[in-house]
PDB file of N, CA and C in Angstrom:
ATOM      1  N   MET A   1    -107.855  68.341 -31.143  1.00  0.00           N
ATOM      2  CA  MET A   1    -108.999  67.445 -32.456  1.00  0.00           C
ATOM      3  C   MET A   1    -109.818  65.943 -31.700  1.00  0.00           C
ATOM      4  N   VAL A   2    -110.991  65.895 -32.126  1.00  0.00           N
ATOM      5  CA  VAL A   2    -112.130  64.982 -31.035  1.00  0.00           C
ATOM      6  C   VAL A   2    -112.018  63.821 -32.064  1.00  0.00           C
ATOM      7  N   ASP A   3    -111.904  62.665 -31.822  1.00  0.00           N
ATOM      8  CA  ASP A   3    -111.903  61.403 -32.524  1.00  0.00           C
ATOM      9  C   ASP A   3    -112.629  61.417 -32.882  1.00  0.00           C
ATOM     10  N   SER A   4    -113.083  60.493 -34.137  1.00  0.00           N
ATOM     11  CA  SER A   4    -113.957  59.411 -34.398  1.00  0.00           C
ATOM     12  C   SER A   4    -114.559  58.467 -34.648  1.00  0.00           C
ATOM     13  N   PRO A   5    -115.851  58.013 -33.545  1.00  0.00           N
ATOM     14  CA  PRO A   5    -116.091  56.777 -33.145  1.00  0.00           C
ATOM     15  C   PRO A   5    -115.543  55.726 -34.256  1.00  0.00           C
ATOM     16  N   PRO A   6    -115.206  54.570 -34.025  1.00  0.00           N
ATOM     17  CA  PRO A   6    -115.315  53.431 -35.066  1.00  0.00           C
ATOM     18  C   PRO A   6    -116.178  53.482 -36.028  1.00  0.00           C
ATOM     19  N   SER A   7    -116.361  53.078 -37.176  1.00  0.00           N
ATOM     20  CA  SER A   7    -117.285  52.874 -38.188  1.00  0.00           C
ATOM     21  C   SER A   7    -118.279  51.850 -37.528  1.00  0.00           C
ATOM     22  N   THR A   8    -119.340  51.571 -37.714  1.00  0.00           N
ATOM     23  CA  THR A   8    -120.398  50.205 -37.388  1.00  0.00           C
ATOM     24  C   THR A   8    -120.808  49.761 -39.060  1.00  0.00           C
ATOM     25  N   GLN A   9    -121.086  48.768 -39.472  1.00  0.00           N
ATOM     26  CA  GLN A   9    -121.011  48.096 -40.666  1.00  0.00           C
ATOM     27  C   GLN A   9    -122.581  47.559 -40.168  1.00  0.00           C
ATOM     28  N   ILE A  10    -123.344  47.981 -41.123  1.00  0.00           N
ATOM     29  CA  ILE A  10    -124.739  47.273 -41.440  1.00  0.00           C
ATOM     30  C   ILE A  10    -125.328  46.767 -42.646  1.00  0.00           C
ATOM     31  N   SER A  11    -126.058  46.062 -42.517  1.00  0.00           N
ATOM     32  CA  SER A  11    -125.698  45.072 -44.331  1.00  0.00           C
ATOM     33  C   SER A  11    -127.081  45.580 -44.494  1.00  0.00           C
ATOM     34  N   ALA A  12    -127.553  45.516 -45.695  1.00  0.00           N
ATOM     35  CA  ALA A  12    -128.385  45.102 -46.851  1.00  0.00           C
ATOM     36  C   ALA A  12    -129.947  44.643 -45.283  1.00  0.00           C
ATOM     37  N   GLY A  13    -130.824  44.527 -44.959  1.00  0.00           N
ATOM     38  CA  GLY A  13    -131.601  44.355 -44.595  1.00  0.00           C
ATOM     39  C   GLY A  13    -132.882  43.708 -45.042  1.00  0.00           C
ATOM     40  N   GLU A  14    -133.496  42.673 -44.313  1.00  0.00           N
ATOM     41  CA  GLU A  14    -135.167  42.302 -45.152  1.00  0.00           C
ATOM     42  C   GLU A  14    -135.969  42.022 -44.414  1.00  0.00           C
ATOM     43  N   TRP A  15    -136.893  41.771 -44.852  1.00  0.00           N
ATOM     44  CA  TRP A  15    -138.579  41.915 -43.797  1.00  0.00           C
ATOM     45  C   TRP A  15    -138.174  40.276 -43.833  1.00  0.00           C
ATOM     46  N   LYS A  16    -138.882  39.701 -42.655  1.00  0.00           N
ATOM     47  CA  LYS A  16    -139.158  38.046 -41.930  1.00  0.00           C
ATOM     48  C   LYS A  16    -140.718  37.901 -41.052  1.00  0.00           C
ATOM     49  N   LEU A  17    -141.003  36.791 -41.715  1.00  0.00           N
ATOM     50  CA  LEU A  17    -142.183  36.930 -40.598  1.00  0.00           C
ATOM     51  C   LEU A  17    -141.485  34.893 -40.040  1.00  0.00           C
ATOM     52  N   PRO A  18    -141.494  35.737 -38.759  1.00  0.00           N
ATOM     53  CA  PRO A  18    -141.476  34.411 -37.846  1.00  0.00           C
ATOM     54  C   PRO A  18    -142.677  33.116 -38.405  1.00  0.00           C
ATOM     55  N   ASP A  19    -141.679  31.844 -38.111  1.00  0.00           N
ATOM     56  CA  ASP A  19    -142.887  30.330 -38.050  1.00  0.00           C
ATOM     57  C   ASP A  19    -144.274  31.085 -36.849  1.00  0.00           C
ATOM     58  N   VAL A  20    -145.356  30.593 -37.288  1.00  0.00           N
ATOM     59  CA  VAL A  20    -146.319  30.134 -36.021  1.00  0.00           C
ATOM     60  C   VAL A  20    -146.417  29.070 -35.586  1.00  0.00           C
ATOM     61  N   SER A  21    -146.100  29.612 -34.420  1.00  0.00           N
ATOM     62  CA  SER A  21    -146.036  27.709 -33.155  1.00  0.00           C
ATOM     63  C   SER A  21    -146.857  28.257 -32.005  1.00  0.00           C
ATOM     64  N   TYR A  22    -148.137  27.656 -31.660  1.00  0.00           N
ATOM     65  CA  TYR A  22    -148.451  27.352 -30.507  1.00  0.00           C
ATOM     66  C   TYR A  22    -147.710  26.862 -29.126  1.00  0.00           C
ATOM     67  N   VAL A  23    -147.139  25.747 -29.428  1.00  0.00           N
ATOM     68  CA  VAL A  23    -146.328  25.603 -28.426  1.00  0.00           C
ATOM     69  C   VAL A  23    -145.112  26.951 -28.224  1.00  0.00           C
ATOM     70  N   ASP A  24    -144.401  26.649 -28.950  1.00  0.00           N
ATOM     71  CA  ASP A  24    -142.995  28.056 -28.655  1.00  0.00           C
ATOM     72  C   ASP A  24    -142.717  28.629 -29.454  1.00  0.00           C
ATOM     73  N   PRO A  25    -143.803  30.140 -28.853  1.00  0.00           N
ATOM     74  CA  PRO A  25    -144.643  31.259 -29.703  1.00  0.00           C
ATOM     75  C   PRO A  25    -142.963  31.911 -29.632  1.00  0.00           C
ATOM     76  N   ALA A  26    -142.794  33.054 -30.899  1.00  0.00           N
ATOM     77  CA  ALA A  26    -141.438  33.122 -31.350  1.00  0.00           C
ATOM     78  C   ALA A  26    -141.947  35.013 -30.857  1.00  0.00           C
ATOM     79  N   ARG A  27    -141.177  35.444 -29.740  1.00  0.00           N
ATOM     80  CA  ARG A  27    -141.538  36.354 -28.876  1.00  0.00           C
ATOM     81  C   ARG A  27    -140.243  37.683 -29.444  1.00  0.00           C
ATOM     82  N   VAL A  28    -140.411  38.631 -30.470  1.00  0.00           N
ATOM     83  CA  VAL A  28    -139.370  39.279 -30.781  1.00  0.00           C
ATOM     84  C   VAL A  28    -140.083  40.736 -30.894  1.00  0.00           C
ATOM     85  N   ALA A  29    -139.260  41.276 -30.348  1.00  0.00           N
ATOM     86  CA  ALA A  29    -138.976  43.117 -30.417  1.00  0.00           C
ATOM     87  C   ALA A  29    -137.709  43.531 -30.400  1.00  0.00           C
ATOM     88  N   CYS A  30    -138.152  44.801 -30.822  1.00  0.00           N
ATOM     89  CA  CYS A  30    -137.661  46.147 -31.484  1.00  0.00           C
ATOM     90  C   CYS A  30    -136.130  46.499 -31.016  1.00  0.00           C
ATOM     91  N   GLU A  31    -134.817  45.994 -31.639  1.00  0.00           N
ATOM     92  CA  GLU A  31    -133.643  46.071 -30.400  1.00  0.00           C
ATOM     93  C   GLU A  31    -133.823  47.547 -30.384  1.00  0.00           C
ATOM     94  N   PHE A  32    -133.943  49.077 -31.451  1.00  0.00           N
ATOM     95  CA  PHE A  32    -134.007  49.595 -30.379  1.00  0.00           C
ATOM     96  C   PHE A  32    -134.988  50.518 -29.893  1.00  0.00           C
ATOM     97  N   CYS A  33    -136.338  50.130 -29.926  1.00  0.00           N
ATOM     98  CA  CYS A  33    -137.330  51.188 -29.519  1.00  0.00           C
ATOM     99  C   CYS A  33    -138.072  49.887 -27.978  1.00  0.00           C
ATOM    100  N   GLY A  34    -137.533  48.615 -28.079  1.00  0.00           N
ATOM    101  CA  GLY A  34    -138.113  47.722 -27.379  1.00  0.00           C
ATOM    102  C   GLY A  34    -139.336  47.080 -27.219  1.00  0.00           C
ATOM    103  N   ARG A  35    -140.424  47.417 -28.427  1.00  0.00           N
ATOM    104  CA  ARG A  35    -141.575  47.059 -28.544  1.00  0.00           C
ATOM    105  C   ARG A  35    -141.721  46.158 -28.920  1.00  0.00           C
ATOM    106  N   PRO A  36    -142.170  45.498 -28.810  1.00  0.00           N
ATOM    107  CA  PRO A  36    -143.137  43.709 -29.183  1.00  0.00           C
ATOM    108  C   PRO A  36    -143.946  43.758 -30.299  1.00  0.00           C
ATOM    109  N   ILE A  37    -142.841  43.209 -31.773  1.00  0.00           N
ATOM    110  CA  ILE A  37    -142.985  42.680 -32.772  1.00  0.00           C
ATOM    111  C   ILE A  37    -144.298  41.981 -33.002  1.00  0.00           C
ATOM    112  N   PRO A  38    -145.778  42.218 -33.614  1.00  0.00           N
ATOM    113  CA  PRO A  38    -146.592  40.923 -33.988  1.00  0.00           C
ATOM    114  C   PRO A  38    -146.454  40.047 -34.724  1.00  0.00           C
ATOM    115  N   ARG A  39    -145.800  40.496 -36.386  1.00  0.00           N
ATOM    116  CA  ARG A  39    -145.759  39.777 -37.548  1.00  0.00           C
ATOM    117  C   ARG A  39    -144.949  39.577 -37.799  1.00  0.00           C
ATOM    118  N   ARG A  40    -144.355  41.418 -38.739  1.00  0.00           N
ATOM    119  CA  ARG A  40    -143.579  40.524 -39.684  1.00  0.00           C
ATOM    120  C   ARG A  40    -142.154  41.645 -39.123  1.00  0.00           C
ATOM    121  N   TYR A  41    -140.949  41.461 -38.987  1.00  0.00           N
ATOM    122  CA  TYR A  41    -139.765  41.883 -38.722  1.00  0.00           C
ATOM    123  C   TYR A  41    -138.830  41.986 -39.352  1.00  0.00           C
ATOM    124  N   TRP A  42    -138.253  43.456 -39.606  1.00  0.00           N
ATOM    125  CA  TRP A  42    -137.277  43.629 -39.902  1.00  0.00           C
ATOM    126  C   TRP A  42    -135.520  43.120 -40.142  1.00  0.00           C
ATOM    127  N   SER A  43    -135.142  42.890 -40.086  1.00  0.00           N
ATOM    128  CA  SER A  43    -133.585  41.823 -39.798  1.00  0.00           C
ATOM    129  C   SER A  43    -132.565  42.571 -40.710  1.00  0.00           C
ATOM    130  N   ALA A  44    -131.366  42.657 -40.240  1.00  0.00           N
ATOM    131  CA  ALA A  44    -130.305  43.772 -40.753  1.00  0.00           C
ATOM    132  C   ALA A  44    -129.522  43.193 -39.619  1.00  0.00           C
ATOM    133  N   GLU A  45    -128.478  42.453 -40.127  1.00  0.00           N
ATOM    134  CA  GLU A  45    -126.858  42.171 -39.730  1.00  0.00           C
ATOM    135  C   GLU A  45    -125.984  43.714 -39.445  1.00  0.00           C
ATOM    136  N   ILE A  46    -125.773  43.729 -37.861  1.00  0.00           N
ATOM    137  CA  ILE A  46    -125.006  45.026 -37.767  1.00  0.00           C
ATOM    138  C   ILE A  46    -123.816  44.903 -37.620  1.00  0.00           C
ATOM    139  N   ASP A  47    -122.322  44.687 -37.272  1.00  0.00           N
ATOM    140  CA  ASP A  47    -121.409  44.476 -37.301  1.00  0.00           C
ATOM    141  C   ASP A  47    -120.636  42.713 -36.541  1.00  0.00           C
ATOM    142  N   GLY A  48    -121.769  42.268 -37.939  1.00  0.00           N
ATOM    143  CA  GLY A  48    -121.358  40.403 -37.889  1.00  0.00           C
ATOM    144  C   GLY A  48    -123.055  40.315 -37.040  1.00  0.00           C
ATOM    145  N   THR A  49    -123.763  40.789 -36.635  1.00  0.00           N
ATOM    146  CA  THR A  49    -124.421  40.249 -35.622  1.00  0.00           C
ATOM    147  C   THR A  49    -126.225  40.566 -36.040  1.00  0.00           C
ATOM    148  N   ARG A  50    -126.842  39.823 -36.291  1.00  0.00           N
ATOM    149  CA  ARG A  50    -127.488  39.784 -36.967  1.00  0.00           C
ATOM    150  C   ARG A  50    -129.306  40.394 -35.938  1.00  0.00           C
ATOM    151  N   ARG A  51    -129.771  41.834 -36.345  1.00  0.00           N
ATOM    152  CA  ARG A  51    -130.390  41.912 -35.107  1.00  0.00           C
ATOM    153  C   ARG A  51    -131.815  42.636 -35.863  1.00  0.00           C
ATOM    154  N   SER A  52    -132.903  41.917 -34.600  1.00  0.00           N
ATOM    155  CA  SER A  52    -134.308  43.029 -35.537  1.00  0.00           C
ATOM    156  C   SER A  52    -134.699  44.315 -35.031  1.00  0.00           C
ATOM    157  N   PHE A  53    -135.261  44.351 -36.393  1.00  0.00           N
ATOM    158  CA  PHE A  53    -136.237  45.835 -35.404  1.00  0.00           C
ATOM    159  C   PHE A  53    -137.828  45.800 -35.924  1.00  0.00           C
ATOM    160  N   CYS A  54    -138.358  46.679 -35.532  1.00  0.00           N
ATOM    161  CA  CYS A  54    -139.806  46.512 -36.186  1.00  0.00           C
ATOM    162  C   CYS A  54    -139.796  47.173 -37.372  1.00  0.00           C
ATOM    163  N   ASP A  55    -139.095  48.502 -37.305  1.00  0.00           N
ATOM    164  CA  ASP A  55    -139.049  49.046 -39.107  1.00  0.00           C
ATOM    165  C   ASP A  55    -137.450  49.460 -39.387  1.00  0.00           C
ATOM    166  N   PRO A  56    -137.273  49.356 -40.913  1.00  0.00           N
ATOM    167  CA  PRO A  56    -135.439  49.531 -41.106  1.00  0.00           C
ATOM    168  C   PRO A  56    -134.933  51.053 -40.103  1.00  0.00           C
ATOM    169  N   SER A  57    -135.905  51.780 -40.418  1.00  0.00           N
ATOM    170  CA  SER A  57    -135.247  53.126 -40.336  1.00  0.00           C
ATOM    171  C   SER A  57    -135.174  53.567 -38.221  1.00  0.00           C
ATOM    172  N   HIS A  58    -135.620  52.403 -38.098  1.00  0.00           N
ATOM    173  CA  HIS A  58    -134.897  51.855 -36.585  1.00  0.00           C
ATOM    174  C   HIS A  58    -133.968  50.772 -36.663  1.00  0.00           C
ATOM    175  N   ALA A  59    -133.285  50.734 -37.488  1.00  0.00           N
ATOM    176  CA  ALA A  59    -131.772  49.822 -37.870  1.00  0.00           C
ATOM    177  C   ALA A  59    -131.071  51.335 -38.561  1.00  0.00           C
ATOM    178  N   GLN A  60    -131.774  51.906 -39.124  1.00  0.00           N
ATOM    179  CA  GLN A  60    -130.715  52.944 -38.978  1.00  0.00           C
ATOM    180  C   GLN A  60    -130.176  53.829 -37.714  1.00  0.00           C
ATOM    181  N   LEU A  61    -131.826  54.345 -37.462  1.00  0.00           N
ATOM    182  CA  LEU A  61    -131.357  54.479 -35.555  1.00  0.00           C
ATOM    183  C   LEU A  61    -130.335  54.102 -34.878  1.00  0.00           C
ATOM    184  N   TYR A  62    -130.530  52.703 -35.035  1.00  0.00           N
ATOM    185  CA  TYR A  62    -129.577  52.068 -33.946  1.00  0.00           C
ATOM    186  C   TYR A  62    -128.305  52.116 -34.628  1.00  0.00           C
ATOM    187  N   VAL A  63    -127.972  52.625 -35.723  1.00  0.00           N
ATOM    188  CA  VAL A  63    -126.232  52.720 -35.967  1.00  0.00           C
ATOM    189  C   VAL A  63    -125.834  53.916 -35.809  1.00  0.00           C
ATOM    190  N   GLU A  64    -126.825  54.894 -36.223  1.00  0.00           N
ATOM    191  CA  GLU A  64    -126.159  56.357 -36.486  1.00  0.00           C
ATOM    192  C   GLU A  64    -126.747  56.840 -34.447  1.00  0.00           C
ATOM    193  N   TYR A  65    -127.613  56.367 -33.978  1.00  0.00           N
ATOM    194  CA  TYR A  65    -128.045  56.957 -32.718  1.00  0.00           C
ATOM    195  C   TYR A  65    -127.254  56.457 -31.861  1.00  0.00           C
ATOM    196  N   TRP A  66    -127.980  55.292 -31.997  1.00  0.00           N
ATOM    197  CA  TRP A  66    -127.884  54.384 -29.961  1.00  0.00           C
ATOM    198  C   TRP A  66    -126.315  54.354 -30.131  1.00  0.00           C
ATOM    199  N   ILE A  67    -125.332  53.585 -31.098  1.00  0.00           N
ATOM    200  CA  ILE A  67    -124.324  52.412 -30.829  1.00  0.00           C
ATOM    201  C   ILE A  67    -123.368  53.958 -30.783  1.00  0.00           C
ATOM    202  N   PRO A  68    -123.055  55.046 -31.590  1.00  0.00           N
ATOM    203  CA  PRO A  68    -122.582  56.219 -31.165  1.00  0.00           C
ATOM    204  C   PRO A  68    -122.620  56.713 -29.330  1.00  0.00           C
ATOM    205  N   THR A  69    -123.836  56.838 -29.068  1.00  0.00           N
ATOM    206  CA  THR A  69    -124.280  57.426 -27.657  1.00  0.00           C
ATOM    207  C   THR A  69    -124.268  56.453 -26.480  1.00  0.00           C
ATOM    208  N   TRP A  70    -124.544  55.016 -26.400  1.00  0.00           N
ATOM    209  CA  TRP A  70    -124.506  53.941 -25.984  1.00  0.00           C
ATOM    210  C   TRP A  70    -123.378  53.133 -25.817  1.00  0.00           C
ATOM    211  N   GLY A  71    -122.957  52.768 -26.855  1.00  0.00           N
ATOM    212  CA  GLY A  71    -122.057  51.346 -27.417  1.00  0.00           C
ATOM    213  C   GLY A  71    -123.599  50.312 -27.729  1.00  0.00           C
ATOM    214  N   LYS A  72    -121.872  49.635 -28.370  1.00  0.00           N
ATOM    215  CA  LYS A  72    -122.644  48.247 -28.576  1.00  0.00           C
ATOM    216  C   LYS A  72    -123.043  47.521 -28.170  1.00  0.00           C
ATOM    217  N   ASN A  73    -122.143  47.350 -26.347  1.00  0.00           N
ATOM    218  CA  ASN A  73    -122.642  46.164 -25.517  1.00  0.00           C
ATOM    219  C   ASN A  73    -123.276  46.144 -24.159  1.00  0.00           C
ATOM    220  N   ILE A  74    -124.378  47.609 -25.021  1.00  0.00           N
ATOM    221  CA  ILE A  74    -125.324  47.950 -23.479  1.00  0.00           C
ATOM    222  C   ILE A  74    -126.265  46.887 -23.511  1.00  0.00           C
ATOM    223  N   SER A  75    -126.610  45.830 -23.149  1.00  0.00           N
ATOM    224  CA  SER A  75    -128.226  44.884 -23.489  1.00  0.00           C
ATOM    225  C   SER A  75    -128.029  43.460 -22.068  1.00  0.00           C
ATOM    226  N   SER A  76    -129.071  43.063 -22.183  1.00  0.00           N
ATOM    227  CA  SER A  76    -129.393  41.994 -21.084  1.00  0.00           C
ATOM    228  C   SER A  76    -128.228  41.516 -20.947  1.00  0.00           C
ATOM    229  N   GLU A  77    -127.314  41.142 -22.023  1.00  0.00           N
ATOM    230  CA  GLU A  77    -126.618  40.049 -21.810  1.00  0.00           C
ATOM    231  C   GLU A  77    -125.087  40.460 -20.907  1.00  0.00           C
ATOM    232  N   SER A  78    -125.036  41.809 -20.460  1.00  0.00           N
ATOM    233  CA  SER A  78    -124.189  42.136 -20.157  1.00  0.00           C
ATOM    234  C   SER A  78    -123.962  41.496 -18.815  1.00  0.00           C
ATOM    235  N   ASP A  79    -122.938  40.888 -18.404  1.00  0.00           N
ATOM    236  CA  ASP A  79    -122.878  40.921 -17.243  1.00  0.00           C
ATOM    237  C   ASP A  79    -122.226  41.477 -15.834  1.00  0.00           C
ATOM    238  N   SER A  80    -122.294  42.991 -16.043  1.00  0.00           N
ATOM    239  CA  SER A  80    -122.491  43.934 -15.187  1.00  0.00           C
ATOM    240  C   SER A  80    -123.637  43.975 -14.716  1.00  0.00           C
ATOM    241  N   THR A  81    -123.707  44.545 -13.232  1.00  0.00           N
ATOM    242  CA  THR A  81    -125.306  44.931 -12.787  1.00  0.00           C
ATOM    243  C   THR A  81    -125.005  45.799 -12.383  1.00  0.00           C
ATOM    244  N   GLU A  82    -124.687  46.957 -12.719  1.00  0.00           N
ATOM    245  CA  GLU A  82    -124.665  48.153 -12.587  1.00  0.00           C
ATOM    246  C   GLU A  82    -125.194  49.001 -13.518  1.00  0.00           C
ATOM    247  N   PRO A  83    -126.258  50.021 -13.813  1.00  0.00           N
ATOM    248  CA  PRO A  83    -126.398  50.824 -14.867  1.00  0.00           C
ATOM    249  C   PRO A  83    -125.008  51.681 -15.306  1.00  0.00           C
ATOM    250  N   ARG A  84    -125.364  51.597 -16.765  1.00  0.00           N
ATOM    251  CA  ARG A  84    -124.556  51.785 -16.859  1.00  0.00           C
ATOM    252  C   ARG A  84    -124.774  53.641 -17.780  1.00  0.00           C
ATOM    253  N   THR A  85    -123.851  54.483 -16.907  1.00  0.00           N
ATOM    254  CA  THR A  85    -124.011  55.636 -17.620  1.00  0.00           C
ATOM    255  C   THR A  85    -123.487  56.220 -18.959  1.00  0.00           C
ATOM    256  N   ARG A  86    -123.575  57.840 -19.627  1.00  0.00           N
ATOM    257  CA  ARG A  86    -122.903  58.104 -20.116  1.00  0.00           C
ATOM    258  C   ARG A  86    -122.000  58.840 -20.228  1.00  0.00           C
ATOM    259  N   SER A  87    -120.942  58.683 -20.446  1.00  0.00           N
ATOM    260  CA  SER A  87    -119.721  59.057 -19.893  1.00  0.00           C
ATOM    261  C   SER A  87    -119.659  60.871 -20.308  1.00  0.00           C
ATOM    262  N   ARG A  88    -119.170  62.126 -19.900  1.00  0.00           N
ATOM    263  CA  ARG A  88    -118.964  63.299 -20.559  1.00  0.00           C
ATOM    264  C   ARG A  88    -117.946  63.817 -20.841  1.00  0.00           C
TER     265      ARG A  88
END
């Protein structure tokens, strides 16, 4: 019997425009592909955390591919210095 992964909750997102500031520039990057987002970005809440994406399709890919494959906690804020590998 195969265990199914826990379900991930994604809220309806919205397009956002960051405030323009030359003193404190807002540097937003897509949380799926890492591409810098120059102007507008898609903001969606996934499991209670607000995340930024370059496109709504990347938010969907994050939920359908990234989380089941790599997990939710692989990011720069993780306290582990060792690279994480996918277990088989």
